[in-house]
């Protein structure tokens, strides 16, 4: 089991990583972060709404499925949001430079990180 600092450090080490944060989807607050960008707080809070909307949709449809991850692709960036196994109301949020990152490897790393993270 990994702690928050180890998890954030491992994700920051990925090729193309711009920043990573651990976000509470109930409040939109950042619980931990690595990397720097002026838009971290605004982006994390905004995409908390994306996470909430998807949870509401899954529930409204009566699905037994759970959100594994949400990937948003922009022309210059990848955004990956992954609820952690220990508490699905908290999610890892990784932003990558699209020109430098490997989306498949980043997803694989965030999956293993989210599954092993302890809070």
PDB file of N, CA and C in Angstrom:
ATOM      1  N   UNK A   1       0.827  -1.176   0.000  1.00  0.00           N
ATOM      2  CA  UNK A   1       0.000   0.000   0.000  1.00  0.00           C
ATOM      3  C   UNK A   1       0.882   1.256   0.000  1.00  0.00           C
ATOM      4  N   UNK A   2       0.537   2.197  -0.828  1.00  0.00           N
ATOM      5  CA  UNK A   2       1.312   3.422  -0.954  1.00  0.00           C
ATOM      6  C   UNK A   2       0.602   4.570  -0.238  1.00  0.00           C
ATOM      7  N   UNK A   3       1.403   5.525   0.232  1.00  0.00           N
ATOM      8  CA  UNK A   3       0.786   6.694   0.834  1.00  0.00           C
ATOM      9  C   UNK A   3       0.612   7.783  -0.222  1.00  0.00           C
ATOM     10  N   UNK A   4       0.009   8.881   0.156  1.00  0.00           N
ATOM     11  CA  UNK A   4      -0.315   9.948  -0.788  1.00  0.00           C
ATOM     12  C   UNK A   4       0.939  10.521  -1.439  1.00  0.00           C
ATOM     13  N   UNK A   5       1.950  10.859  -0.656  1.00  0.00           N
ATOM     14  CA  UNK A   5       3.172  11.455  -1.213  1.00  0.00           C
ATOM     15  C   UNK A   5       3.853  10.539  -2.213  1.00  0.00           C
ATOM     16  N   UNK A   6       3.957   9.249  -1.881  1.00  0.00           N
ATOM     17  CA  UNK A   6       4.582   8.288  -2.796  1.00  0.00           C
ATOM     18  C   UNK A   6       3.794   8.175  -4.096  1.00  0.00           C
ATOM     19  N   UNK A   7       2.482   8.147  -3.982  1.00  0.00           N
ATOM     20  CA  UNK A   7       1.619   8.020  -5.154  1.00  0.00           C
ATOM     21  C   UNK A   7       1.738   9.235  -6.063  1.00  0.00           C
ATOM     22  N   UNK A   8       1.653  10.425  -5.475  1.00  0.00           N
ATOM     23  CA  UNK A   8       1.755  11.649  -6.271  1.00  0.00           C
ATOM     24  C   UNK A   8       3.137  11.761  -6.924  1.00  0.00           C
ATOM     25  N   UNK A   9       4.176  11.375  -6.199  1.00  0.00           N
ATOM     26  CA  UNK A   9       5.534  11.421  -6.758  1.00  0.00           C
ATOM     27  C   UNK A   9       5.677  10.467  -7.939  1.00  0.00           C
ATOM     28  N   UNK A  10       5.134   9.273  -7.811  1.00  0.00           N
ATOM     29  CA  UNK A  10       5.227   8.286  -8.895  1.00  0.00           C
ATOM     30  C   UNK A  10       4.503   8.769 -10.142  1.00  0.00           C
ATOM     31  N   UNK A  11       3.356   9.398  -9.975  1.00  0.00           N
ATOM     32  CA  UNK A  11       2.606   9.889 -11.133  1.00  0.00           C
ATOM     33  C   UNK A  11       3.268  11.123 -11.745  1.00  0.00           C
ATOM     34  N   UNK A  12       3.900  11.934 -10.921  1.00  0.00           N
ATOM     35  CA  UNK A  12       4.615  13.103 -11.424  1.00  0.00           C
ATOM     36  C   UNK A  12       5.815  12.685 -12.270  1.00  0.00           C
ATOM     37  N   UNK A  13       6.370  11.522 -11.991  1.00  0.00           N
ATOM     38  CA  UNK A  13       7.533  11.028 -12.732  1.00  0.00           C
ATOM     39  C   UNK A  13       7.196  10.503 -14.124  1.00  0.00           C
ATOM     40  N   UNK A  14       5.924  10.364 -14.444  1.00  0.00           N
ATOM     41  CA  UNK A  14       5.541   9.878 -15.774  1.00  0.00           C
ATOM     42  C   UNK A  14       5.963  10.864 -16.859  1.00  0.00           C
ATOM     43  N   UNK A  15       6.346  10.351 -18.005  1.00  0.00           N
ATOM     44  CA  UNK A  15       6.700  11.205 -19.135  1.00  0.00           C
ATOM     45  C   UNK A  15       5.518  12.096 -19.497  1.00  0.00           C
ATOM     46  N   UNK A  16       5.770  13.382 -19.618  1.00  0.00           N
ATOM     47  CA  UNK A  16       4.734  14.325 -20.012  1.00  0.00           C
ATOM     48  C   UNK A  16       3.860  14.828 -18.877  1.00  0.00           C
ATOM     49  N   UNK A  17       4.094  14.364 -17.649  1.00  0.00           N
ATOM     50  CA  UNK A  17       3.262  14.787 -16.523  1.00  0.00           C
ATOM     51  C   UNK A  17       3.418  16.285 -16.285  1.00  0.00           C
ATOM     52  N   UNK A  18       2.285  16.983 -16.234  1.00  0.00           N
ATOM     53  CA  UNK A  18       2.297  18.406 -15.915  1.00  0.00           C
ATOM     54  C   UNK A  18       2.027  18.598 -14.424  1.00  0.00           C
ATOM     55  N   UNK A  19       0.994  17.925 -13.934  1.00  0.00           N
ATOM     56  CA  UNK A  19       0.682  17.945 -12.511  1.00  0.00           C
ATOM     57  C   UNK A  19      -0.279  16.821 -12.174  1.00  0.00           C
ATOM     58  N   UNK A  20      -0.325  16.516 -10.895  1.00  0.00           N
ATOM     59  CA  UNK A  20      -1.232  15.489 -10.394  1.00  0.00           C
ATOM     60  C   UNK A  20      -1.799  15.984  -9.075  1.00  0.00           C
ATOM     61  N   UNK A  21      -3.052  15.657  -8.830  1.00  0.00           N
ATOM     62  CA  UNK A  21      -3.685  16.069  -7.579  1.00  0.00           C
ATOM     63  C   UNK A  21      -4.578  14.950  -7.056  1.00  0.00           C
ATOM     64  N   UNK A  22      -4.785  14.969  -5.768  1.00  0.00           N
ATOM     65  CA  UNK A  22      -5.755  14.101  -5.109  1.00  0.00           C
ATOM     66  C   UNK A  22      -6.901  15.021  -4.720  1.00  0.00           C
ATOM     67  N   UNK A  23      -8.103  14.721  -5.220  1.00  0.00           N
ATOM     68  CA  UNK A  23      -9.225  15.652  -5.094  1.00  0.00           C
ATOM     69  C   UNK A  23     -10.411  14.990  -4.399  1.00  0.00           C
ATOM     70  N   UNK A  24     -11.035  15.736  -3.502  1.00  0.00           N
ATOM     71  CA  UNK A  24     -12.263  15.293  -2.837  1.00  0.00           C
ATOM     72  C   UNK A  24     -13.427  15.688  -3.737  1.00  0.00           C
ATOM     73  N   UNK A  25     -14.155  14.708  -4.263  1.00  0.00           N
ATOM     74  CA  UNK A  25     -15.230  15.015  -5.210  1.00  0.00           C
ATOM     75  C   UNK A  25     -16.481  15.560  -4.531  1.00  0.00           C
ATOM     76  N   UNK A  26     -16.542  15.510  -3.233  1.00  0.00           N
ATOM     77  CA  UNK A  26     -17.693  16.081  -2.536  1.00  0.00           C
ATOM     78  C   UNK A  26     -17.541  17.590  -2.364  1.00  0.00           C
ATOM     79  N   UNK A  27     -16.314  18.043  -2.148  1.00  0.00           N
ATOM     80  CA  UNK A  27     -16.077  19.470  -1.912  1.00  0.00           C
ATOM     81  C   UNK A  27     -15.321  20.156  -3.043  1.00  0.00           C
ATOM     82  N   UNK A  28     -14.626  19.377  -3.874  1.00  0.00           N
ATOM     83  CA  UNK A  28     -13.784  19.962  -4.914  1.00  0.00           C
ATOM     84  C   UNK A  28     -12.430  20.401  -4.401  1.00  0.00           C
ATOM     85  N   UNK A  29     -12.149  20.142  -3.134  1.00  0.00           N
ATOM     86  CA  UNK A  29     -10.879  20.562  -2.537  1.00  0.00           C
ATOM     87  C   UNK A  29      -9.749  19.619  -2.918  1.00  0.00           C
ATOM     88  N   UNK A  30      -8.570  20.201  -3.092  1.00  0.00           N
ATOM     89  CA  UNK A  30      -7.367  19.426  -3.372  1.00  0.00           C
ATOM     90  C   UNK A  30      -6.777  18.971  -2.043  1.00  0.00           C
ATOM     91  N   UNK A  31      -6.583  17.654  -1.916  1.00  0.00           N
ATOM     92  CA  UNK A  31      -6.046  17.076  -0.692  1.00  0.00           C
ATOM     93  C   UNK A  31      -4.536  16.916  -0.744  1.00  0.00           C
ATOM     94  N   UNK A  32      -3.996  16.959  -1.939  1.00  0.00           N
ATOM     95  CA  UNK A  32      -2.553  16.861  -2.152  1.00  0.00           C
ATOM     96  C   UNK A  32      -2.268  17.112  -3.612  1.00  0.00           C
ATOM     97  N   UNK A  33      -1.082  17.623  -3.901  1.00  0.00           N
ATOM     98  CA  UNK A  33      -0.748  17.884  -5.303  1.00  0.00           C
ATOM     99  C   UNK A  33       0.750  17.871  -5.508  1.00  0.00           C
ATOM    100  N   UNK A  34       1.134  17.617  -6.736  1.00  0.00           N
ATOM    101  CA  UNK A  34       2.520  17.692  -7.190  1.00  0.00           C
ATOM    102  C   UNK A  34       2.519  18.377  -8.535  1.00  0.00           C
ATOM    103  N   UNK A  35       3.555  19.146  -8.800  1.00  0.00           N
ATOM    104  CA  UNK A  35       3.612  19.904 -10.041  1.00  0.00           C
ATOM    105  C   UNK A  35       2.991  21.261  -9.792  1.00  0.00           C
ATOM    106  N   UNK A  36       3.184  22.139 -10.738  1.00  0.00           N
ATOM    107  CA  UNK A  36       2.639  23.480 -10.523  1.00  0.00           C
ATOM    108  C   UNK A  36       2.018  24.015 -11.799  1.00  0.00           C
ATOM    109  N   UNK A  37       0.914  24.645 -11.604  1.00  0.00           N
ATOM    110  CA  UNK A  37       0.218  25.339 -12.683  1.00  0.00           C
ATOM    111  C   UNK A  37      -0.802  26.243 -12.017  1.00  0.00           C
ATOM    112  N   UNK A  38      -0.989  27.405 -12.580  1.00  0.00           N
ATOM    113  CA  UNK A  38      -1.924  28.365 -12.002  1.00  0.00           C
ATOM    114  C   UNK A  38      -3.347  27.827 -11.986  1.00  0.00           C
ATOM    115  N   UNK A  39      -3.650  26.926 -12.919  1.00  0.00           N
ATOM    116  CA  UNK A  39      -5.028  26.471 -13.076  1.00  0.00           C
ATOM    117  C   UNK A  39      -5.390  25.217 -12.282  1.00  0.00           C
ATOM    118  N   UNK A  40      -4.520  24.715 -11.437  1.00  0.00           N
ATOM    119  CA  UNK A  40      -4.800  23.457 -10.736  1.00  0.00           C
ATOM    120  C   UNK A  40      -6.113  23.522  -9.953  1.00  0.00           C
ATOM    121  N   UNK A  41      -6.279  24.517  -9.113  1.00  0.00           N
ATOM    122  CA  UNK A  41      -7.472  24.575  -8.274  1.00  0.00           C
ATOM    123  C   UNK A  41      -8.748  24.740  -9.093  1.00  0.00           C
ATOM    124  N   UNK A  42      -8.714  25.601 -10.101  1.00  0.00           N
ATOM    125  CA  UNK A  42      -9.897  25.825 -10.933  1.00  0.00           C
ATOM    126  C   UNK A  42     -10.232  24.565 -11.726  1.00  0.00           C
ATOM    127  N   UNK A  43      -9.219  23.934 -12.301  1.00  0.00           N
ATOM    128  CA  UNK A  43      -9.428  22.728 -13.101  1.00  0.00           C
ATOM    129  C   UNK A  43      -9.936  21.581 -12.233  1.00  0.00           C
ATOM    130  N   UNK A  44      -9.342  21.395 -11.069  1.00  0.00           N
ATOM    131  CA  UNK A  44      -9.777  20.321 -10.171  1.00  0.00           C
ATOM    132  C   UNK A  44     -11.219  20.539  -9.718  1.00  0.00           C
ATOM    133  N   UNK A  45     -11.554  21.757  -9.354  1.00  0.00           N
ATOM    134  CA  UNK A  45     -12.920  22.047  -8.925  1.00  0.00           C
ATOM    135  C   UNK A  45     -13.910  21.850 -10.076  1.00  0.00           C
ATOM    136  N   UNK A  46     -13.549  22.302 -11.262  1.00  0.00           N
ATOM    137  CA  UNK A  46     -14.432  22.155 -12.415  1.00  0.00           C
ATOM    138  C   UNK A  46     -14.663  20.710 -12.789  1.00  0.00           C
ATOM    139  N   UNK A  47     -13.618  19.913 -12.755  1.00  0.00           N
ATOM    140  CA  UNK A  47     -13.772  18.512 -13.136  1.00  0.00           C
ATOM    141  C   UNK A  47     -14.342  17.659 -12.015  1.00  0.00           C
ATOM    142  N   UNK A  48     -14.431  18.221 -10.815  1.00  0.00           N
ATOM    143  CA  UNK A  48     -15.195  17.578  -9.761  1.00  0.00           C
ATOM    144  C   UNK A  48     -16.656  17.492 -10.201  1.00  0.00           C
ATOM    145  N   UNK A  49     -17.115  18.532 -10.890  1.00  0.00           N
ATOM    146  CA  UNK A  49     -18.486  18.529 -11.413  1.00  0.00           C
ATOM    147  C   UNK A  49     -18.674  17.432 -12.464  1.00  0.00           C
ATOM    148  N   UNK A  50     -17.652  17.197 -13.271  1.00  0.00           N
ATOM    149  CA  UNK A  50     -17.704  16.119 -14.264  1.00  0.00           C
ATOM    150  C   UNK A  50     -17.840  14.776 -13.557  1.00  0.00           C
ATOM    151  N   UNK A  51     -17.052  14.576 -12.517  1.00  0.00           N
ATOM    152  CA  UNK A  51     -17.102  13.323 -11.752  1.00  0.00           C
ATOM    153  C   UNK A  51     -18.481  13.150 -11.113  1.00  0.00           C
ATOM    154  N   UNK A  52     -18.986  14.196 -10.502  1.00  0.00           N
ATOM    155  CA  UNK A  52     -20.313  14.129  -9.866  1.00  0.00           C
ATOM    156  C   UNK A  52     -21.401  13.830 -10.891  1.00  0.00           C
ATOM    157  N   UNK A  53     -21.346  14.504 -12.034  1.00  0.00           N
ATOM    158  CA  UNK A  53     -22.364  14.301 -13.075  1.00  0.00           C
ATOM    159  C   UNK A  53     -22.358  12.863 -13.569  1.00  0.00           C
ATOM    160  N   UNK A  54     -21.191  12.287 -13.732  1.00  0.00           N
ATOM    161  CA  UNK A  54     -21.116  10.895 -14.186  1.00  0.00           C
ATOM    162  C   UNK A  54     -21.639   9.937 -13.123  1.00  0.00           C
ATOM    163  N   UNK A  55     -21.350  10.207 -11.864  1.00  0.00           N
ATOM    164  CA  UNK A  55     -21.887   9.362 -10.788  1.00  0.00           C
ATOM    165  C   UNK A  55     -23.407   9.446 -10.746  1.00  0.00           C
ATOM    166  N   UNK A  56     -23.935  10.643 -10.898  1.00  0.00           N
ATOM    167  CA  UNK A  56     -25.388  10.838 -10.898  1.00  0.00           C
ATOM    168  C   UNK A  56     -26.029  10.090 -12.055  1.00  0.00           C
ATOM    169  N   UNK A  57     -25.414  10.164 -13.230  1.00  0.00           N
ATOM    170  CA  UNK A  57     -25.937   9.475 -14.408  1.00  0.00           C
ATOM    171  C   UNK A  57     -25.950   7.963 -14.197  1.00  0.00           C
ATOM    172  N   UNK A  58     -24.880   7.411 -13.687  1.00  0.00           N
ATOM    173  CA  UNK A  58     -24.801   5.967 -13.437  1.00  0.00           C
ATOM    174  C   UNK A  58     -25.892   5.556 -12.449  1.00  0.00           C
ATOM    175  N   UNK A  59     -26.054   6.334 -11.400  1.00  0.00           N
ATOM    176  CA  UNK A  59     -27.079   6.045 -10.394  1.00  0.00           C
ATOM    177  C   UNK A  59     -28.491   6.182 -10.975  1.00  0.00           C
ATOM    178  N   UNK A  60     -28.726   7.250 -11.755  1.00  0.00           N
ATOM    179  CA  UNK A  60     -30.051   7.485 -12.342  1.00  0.00           C
ATOM    180  C   UNK A  60     -30.467   6.375 -13.290  1.00  0.00           C
ATOM    181  N   UNK A  61     -29.503   5.783 -13.954  1.00  0.00           N
ATOM    182  CA  UNK A  61     -29.795   4.693 -14.879  1.00  0.00           C
ATOM    183  C   UNK A  61     -29.948   3.353 -14.158  1.00  0.00           C
ATOM    184  N   UNK A  62     -29.672   3.350 -12.865  1.00  0.00           N
ATOM    185  CA  UNK A  62     -29.804   2.126 -12.091  1.00  0.00           C
ATOM    186  C   UNK A  62     -28.724   1.108 -12.404  1.00  0.00           C
ATOM    187  N   UNK A  63     -27.594   1.586 -12.887  1.00  0.00           N
ATOM    188  CA  UNK A  63     -26.501   0.676 -13.237  1.00  0.00           C
ATOM    189  C   UNK A  63     -25.766   0.218 -11.988  1.00  0.00           C
ATOM    190  N   UNK A  64     -25.299  -1.001 -12.004  1.00  0.00           N
ATOM    191  CA  UNK A  64     -24.478  -1.488 -10.899  1.00  0.00           C
ATOM    192  C   UNK A  64     -23.002  -1.198 -11.161  1.00  0.00           C
ATOM    193  N   UNK A  65     -22.718  -0.631 -12.323  1.00  0.00           N
ATOM    194  CA  UNK A  65     -21.339  -0.293 -12.675  1.00  0.00           C
ATOM    195  C   UNK A  65     -20.820   0.860 -11.823  1.00  0.00           C
ATOM    196  N   UNK A  66     -19.498   0.910 -11.718  1.00  0.00           N
ATOM    197  CA  UNK A  66     -18.830   2.010 -11.031  1.00  0.00           C
ATOM    198  C   UNK A  66     -17.894   2.684 -12.031  1.00  0.00           C
ATOM    199  N   UNK A  67     -17.651   3.946 -11.828  1.00  0.00           N
ATOM    200  CA  UNK A  67     -16.725   4.678 -12.688  1.00  0.00           C
ATOM    201  C   UNK A  67     -15.312   4.180 -12.418  1.00  0.00           C
ATOM    202  N   UNK A  68     -14.649   3.718 -13.465  1.00  0.00           N
ATOM    203  CA  UNK A  68     -13.249   3.316 -13.331  1.00  0.00           C
ATOM    204  C   UNK A  68     -12.348   4.523 -13.523  1.00  0.00           C
ATOM    205  N   UNK A  69     -12.547   5.235 -14.605  1.00  0.00           N
ATOM    206  CA  UNK A  69     -11.815   6.467 -14.823  1.00  0.00           C
ATOM    207  C   UNK A  69     -12.538   7.301 -15.873  1.00  0.00           C
ATOM    208  N   UNK A  70     -12.182   8.555 -15.911  1.00  0.00           N
ATOM    209  CA  UNK A  70     -12.694   9.484 -16.907  1.00  0.00           C
ATOM    210  C   UNK A  70     -11.474  10.087 -17.588  1.00  0.00           C
ATOM    211  N   UNK A  71     -11.459   9.997 -18.908  1.00  0.00           N
ATOM    212  CA  UNK A  71     -10.341  10.542 -19.668  1.00  0.00           C
ATOM    213  C   UNK A  71     -10.876  11.629 -20.594  1.00  0.00           C
ATOM    214  N   UNK A  72     -10.269  12.790 -20.502  1.00  0.00           N
ATOM    215  CA  UNK A  72     -10.618  13.908 -21.370  1.00  0.00           C
ATOM    216  C   UNK A  72      -9.396  14.197 -22.231  1.00  0.00           C
ATOM    217  N   UNK A  73      -9.597  14.185 -23.535  1.00  0.00           N
ATOM    218  CA  UNK A  73      -8.481  14.480 -24.434  1.00  0.00           C
ATOM    219  C   UNK A  73      -8.683  15.859 -25.048  1.00  0.00           C
ATOM    220  N   UNK A  74      -7.675  16.682 -24.891  1.00  0.00           N
ATOM    221  CA  UNK A  74      -7.638  18.002 -25.502  1.00  0.00           C
ATOM    222  C   UNK A  74      -6.568  17.973 -26.587  1.00  0.00           C
ATOM    223  N   UNK A  75      -6.493  18.992 -27.394  1.00  0.00           N
ATOM    224  CA  UNK A  75      -5.493  18.982 -28.466  1.00  0.00           C
ATOM    225  C   UNK A  75      -4.073  18.949 -27.932  1.00  0.00           C
ATOM    226  N   UNK A  76      -3.848  19.497 -26.741  1.00  0.00           N
ATOM    227  CA  UNK A  76      -2.497  19.518 -26.196  1.00  0.00           C
ATOM    228  C   UNK A  76      -2.314  18.773 -24.892  1.00  0.00           C
ATOM    229  N   UNK A  77      -3.398  18.229 -24.341  1.00  0.00           N
ATOM    230  CA  UNK A  77      -3.314  17.603 -23.025  1.00  0.00           C
ATOM    231  C   UNK A  77      -4.216  16.380 -22.921  1.00  0.00           C
ATOM    232  N   UNK A  78      -3.836  15.504 -21.992  1.00  0.00           N
ATOM    233  CA  UNK A  78      -4.709  14.423 -21.536  1.00  0.00           C
ATOM    234  C   UNK A  78      -5.044  14.711 -20.074  1.00  0.00           C
ATOM    235  N   UNK A  79      -6.284  14.522 -19.690  1.00  0.00           N
ATOM    236  CA  UNK A  79      -6.717  14.633 -18.303  1.00  0.00           C
ATOM    237  C   UNK A  79      -7.301  13.275 -17.916  1.00  0.00           C
ATOM    238  N   UNK A  80      -6.740  12.676 -16.871  1.00  0.00           N
ATOM    239  CA  UNK A  80      -7.228  11.372 -16.402  1.00  0.00           C
ATOM    240  C   UNK A  80      -7.679  11.521 -14.956  1.00  0.00           C
ATOM    241  N   UNK A  81      -8.920  11.125 -14.685  1.00  0.00           N
ATOM    242  CA  UNK A  81      -9.461  11.154 -13.327  1.00  0.00           C
ATOM    243  C   UNK A  81      -9.814   9.732 -12.926  1.00  0.00           C
ATOM    244  N   UNK A  82      -9.333   9.310 -11.776  1.00  0.00           N
ATOM    245  CA  UNK A  82      -9.519   7.935 -11.326  1.00  0.00           C
ATOM    246  C   UNK A  82      -9.902   7.902  -9.853  1.00  0.00           C
ATOM    247  N   UNK A  83     -11.149   7.475  -9.525  1.00  0.00           N
ATOM    248  CA  UNK A  83     -11.501   7.309  -8.115  1.00  0.00           C
ATOM    249  C   UNK A  83     -10.573   6.282  -7.467  1.00  0.00           C
ATOM    250  N   UNK A  84     -10.216   6.521  -6.221  1.00  0.00           N
ATOM    251  CA  UNK A  84      -9.326   5.568  -5.561  1.00  0.00           C
ATOM    252  C   UNK A  84     -10.154   4.448  -4.929  1.00  0.00           C
ATOM    253  N   UNK A  85      -9.563   3.280  -4.835  1.00  0.00           N
ATOM    254  CA  UNK A  85     -10.281   2.102  -4.335  1.00  0.00           C
ATOM    255  C   UNK A  85     -10.690   2.266  -2.873  1.00  0.00           C
ATOM    256  N   UNK A  86      -9.838   2.868  -2.068  1.00  0.00           N
ATOM    257  CA  UNK A  86     -10.109   2.993  -0.633  1.00  0.00           C
ATOM    258  C   UNK A  86     -11.293   3.905  -0.328  1.00  0.00           C
ATOM    259  N   UNK A  87     -11.540   4.896  -1.194  1.00  0.00           N
ATOM    260  CA  UNK A  87     -12.639   5.841  -0.994  1.00  0.00           C
ATOM    261  C   UNK A  87     -12.991   6.469  -2.343  1.00  0.00           C
ATOM    262  N   UNK A  88     -13.977   5.922  -3.049  1.00  0.00           N
ATOM    263  CA  UNK A  88     -14.310   6.405  -4.391  1.00  0.00           C
ATOM    264  C   UNK A  88     -14.772   7.859  -4.466  1.00  0.00           C
ATOM    265  N   UNK A  89     -15.031   8.506  -3.326  1.00  0.00           N
ATOM    266  CA  UNK A  89     -15.379   9.924  -3.369  1.00  0.00           C
ATOM    267  C   UNK A  89     -14.134  10.797  -3.551  1.00  0.00           C
ATOM    268  N   UNK A  90     -12.976  10.178  -3.479  1.00  0.00           N
ATOM    269  CA  UNK A  90     -11.706  10.873  -3.698  1.00  0.00           C
ATOM    270  C   UNK A  90     -11.100  10.330  -4.980  1.00  0.00           C
ATOM    271  N   UNK A  91     -10.590  11.236  -5.820  1.00  0.00           N
ATOM    272  CA  UNK A  91     -10.008  10.772  -7.074  1.00  0.00           C
ATOM    273  C   UNK A  91      -8.643  11.376  -7.347  1.00  0.00           C
ATOM    274  N   UNK A  92      -7.849  10.584  -8.047  1.00  0.00           N
ATOM    275  CA  UNK A  92      -6.569  11.064  -8.563  1.00  0.00           C
ATOM    276  C   UNK A  92      -6.845  11.789  -9.867  1.00  0.00           C
ATOM    277  N   UNK A  93      -6.170  12.884 -10.064  1.00  0.00           N
ATOM    278  CA  UNK A  93      -6.366  13.689 -11.267  1.00  0.00           C
ATOM    279  C   UNK A  93      -4.993  13.991 -11.848  1.00  0.00           C
ATOM    280  N   UNK A  94      -4.730  13.423 -13.007  1.00  0.00           N
ATOM    281  CA  UNK A  94      -3.435  13.552 -13.669  1.00  0.00           C
ATOM    282  C   UNK A  94      -3.598  14.319 -14.971  1.00  0.00           C
ATOM    283  N   UNK A  95      -2.757  15.327 -15.172  1.00  0.00           N
ATOM    284  CA  UNK A  95      -2.760  16.106 -16.408  1.00  0.00           C
ATOM    285  C   UNK A  95      -1.412  15.903 -17.083  1.00  0.00           C
ATOM    286  N   UNK A  96      -1.473  15.548 -18.373  1.00  0.00           N
ATOM    287  CA  UNK A  96      -0.276  15.220 -19.141  1.00  0.00           C
ATOM    288  C   UNK A  96      -0.170  16.092 -20.390  1.00  0.00           C
ATOM    289  N   UNK A  97       1.062  16.383 -20.769  1.00  0.00           N
ATOM    290  CA  UNK A  97       1.332  17.026 -22.041  1.00  0.00           C
ATOM    291  C   UNK A  97       1.172  15.952 -23.107  1.00  0.00           C
ATOM    292  N   UNK A  98       0.225  16.151 -23.999  1.00  0.00           N
ATOM    293  CA  UNK A  98      -0.122  15.125 -24.988  1.00  0.00           C
ATOM    294  C   UNK A  98       1.049  14.770 -25.912  1.00  0.00           C
ATOM    295  N   UNK A  99       1.882  15.725 -26.251  1.00  0.00           N
ATOM    296  CA  UNK A  99       2.997  15.486 -27.169  1.00  0.00           C
ATOM    297  C   UNK A  99       4.094  14.628 -26.543  1.00  0.00           C
ATOM    298  N   UNK A 100       4.146  14.604 -25.207  1.00  0.00           N
ATOM    299  CA  UNK A 100       5.230  13.887 -24.523  1.00  0.00           C
ATOM    300  C   UNK A 100       4.768  12.628 -23.798  1.00  0.00           C
ATOM    301  N   UNK A 101       3.468  12.463 -23.651  1.00  0.00           N
ATOM    302  CA  UNK A 101       2.949  11.379 -22.815  1.00  0.00           C
ATOM    303  C   UNK A 101       2.508  10.174 -23.633  1.00  0.00           C
ATOM    304  N   UNK A 102       2.474   9.041 -22.961  1.00  0.00           N
ATOM    305  CA  UNK A 102       1.903   7.817 -23.510  1.00  0.00           C
ATOM    306  C   UNK A 102       0.642   7.546 -22.694  1.00  0.00           C
ATOM    307  N   UNK A 103      -0.518   7.746 -23.317  1.00  0.00           N
ATOM    308  CA  UNK A 103      -1.791   7.637 -22.605  1.00  0.00           C
ATOM    309  C   UNK A 103      -2.001   6.246 -22.008  1.00  0.00           C
ATOM    310  N   UNK A 104      -1.659   5.215 -22.740  1.00  0.00           N
ATOM    311  CA  UNK A 104      -1.855   3.847 -22.237  1.00  0.00           C
ATOM    312  C   UNK A 104      -1.006   3.578 -20.997  1.00  0.00           C
ATOM    313  N   UNK A 105       0.243   3.997 -21.031  1.00  0.00           N
ATOM    314  CA  UNK A 105       1.108   3.796 -19.864  1.00  0.00           C
ATOM    315  C   UNK A 105       0.657   4.644 -18.683  1.00  0.00           C
ATOM    316  N   UNK A 106       0.212   5.871 -18.957  1.00  0.00           N
ATOM    317  CA  UNK A 106      -0.265   6.747 -17.880  1.00  0.00           C
ATOM    318  C   UNK A 106      -1.508   6.153 -17.230  1.00  0.00           C
ATOM    319  N   UNK A 107      -2.408   5.633 -18.044  1.00  0.00           N
ATOM    320  CA  UNK A 107      -3.623   5.026 -17.493  1.00  0.00           C
ATOM    321  C   UNK A 107      -3.275   3.806 -16.651  1.00  0.00           C
ATOM    322  N   UNK A 108      -2.376   2.987 -17.145  1.00  0.00           N
ATOM    323  CA  UNK A 108      -1.949   1.803 -16.399  1.00  0.00           C
ATOM    324  C   UNK A 108      -1.373   2.209 -15.037  1.00  0.00           C
ATOM    325  N   UNK A 109      -0.569   3.252 -15.019  1.00  0.00           N
ATOM    326  CA  UNK A 109       0.054   3.713 -13.770  1.00  0.00           C
ATOM    327  C   UNK A 109      -0.971   4.306 -12.808  1.00  0.00           C
ATOM    328  N   UNK A 110      -1.932   5.071 -13.321  1.00  0.00           N
ATOM    329  CA  UNK A 110      -2.928   5.666 -12.429  1.00  0.00           C
ATOM    330  C   UNK A 110      -3.878   4.599 -11.877  1.00  0.00           C
ATOM    331  N   UNK A 111      -4.136   3.548 -12.656  1.00  0.00           N
ATOM    332  CA  UNK A 111      -4.960   2.437 -12.169  1.00  0.00           C
ATOM    333  C   UNK A 111      -4.272   1.754 -10.990  1.00  0.00           C
ATOM    334  N   UNK A 112      -3.008   1.395 -11.162  1.00  0.00           N
ATOM    335  CA  UNK A 112      -2.296   0.710 -10.076  1.00  0.00           C
ATOM    336  C   UNK A 112      -2.110   1.639  -8.874  1.00  0.00           C
ATOM    337  N   UNK A 113      -1.894   2.919  -9.122  1.00  0.00           N
ATOM    338  CA  UNK A 113      -1.741   3.878  -8.034  1.00  0.00           C
ATOM    339  C   UNK A 113      -3.039   4.059  -7.257  1.00  0.00           C
ATOM    340  N   UNK A 114      -4.143   4.176  -7.961  1.00  0.00           N
ATOM    341  CA  UNK A 114      -5.434   4.348  -7.310  1.00  0.00           C
ATOM    342  C   UNK A 114      -5.862   3.134  -6.523  1.00  0.00           C
ATOM    343  N   UNK A 115      -5.458   1.967  -6.990  1.00  0.00           N
ATOM    344  CA  UNK A 115      -5.820   0.723  -6.302  1.00  0.00           C
ATOM    345  C   UNK A 115      -4.991   0.493  -5.042  1.00  0.00           C
ATOM    346  N   UNK A 116      -3.776   1.033  -5.016  1.00  0.00           N
ATOM    347  CA  UNK A 116      -2.896   0.766  -3.875  1.00  0.00           C
ATOM    348  C   UNK A 116      -2.805   1.928  -2.882  1.00  0.00           C
ATOM    349  N   UNK A 117      -3.440   3.047  -3.189  1.00  0.00           N
ATOM    350  CA  UNK A 117      -3.337   4.238  -2.329  1.00  0.00           C
ATOM    351  C   UNK A 117      -4.123   4.061  -1.040  1.00  0.00           C
ATOM    352  N   UNK A 118      -3.486   4.401   0.063  1.00  0.00           N
ATOM    353  CA  UNK A 118      -4.151   4.408   1.356  1.00  0.00           C
ATOM    354  C   UNK A 118      -4.203   5.852   1.856  1.00  0.00           C
ATOM    355  N   UNK A 119      -5.293   6.174   2.487  1.00  0.00           N
ATOM    356  CA  UNK A 119      -5.461   7.539   2.995  1.00  0.00           C
ATOM    357  C   UNK A 119      -5.540   7.523   4.505  1.00  0.00           C
TER     358      UNK A 119
END
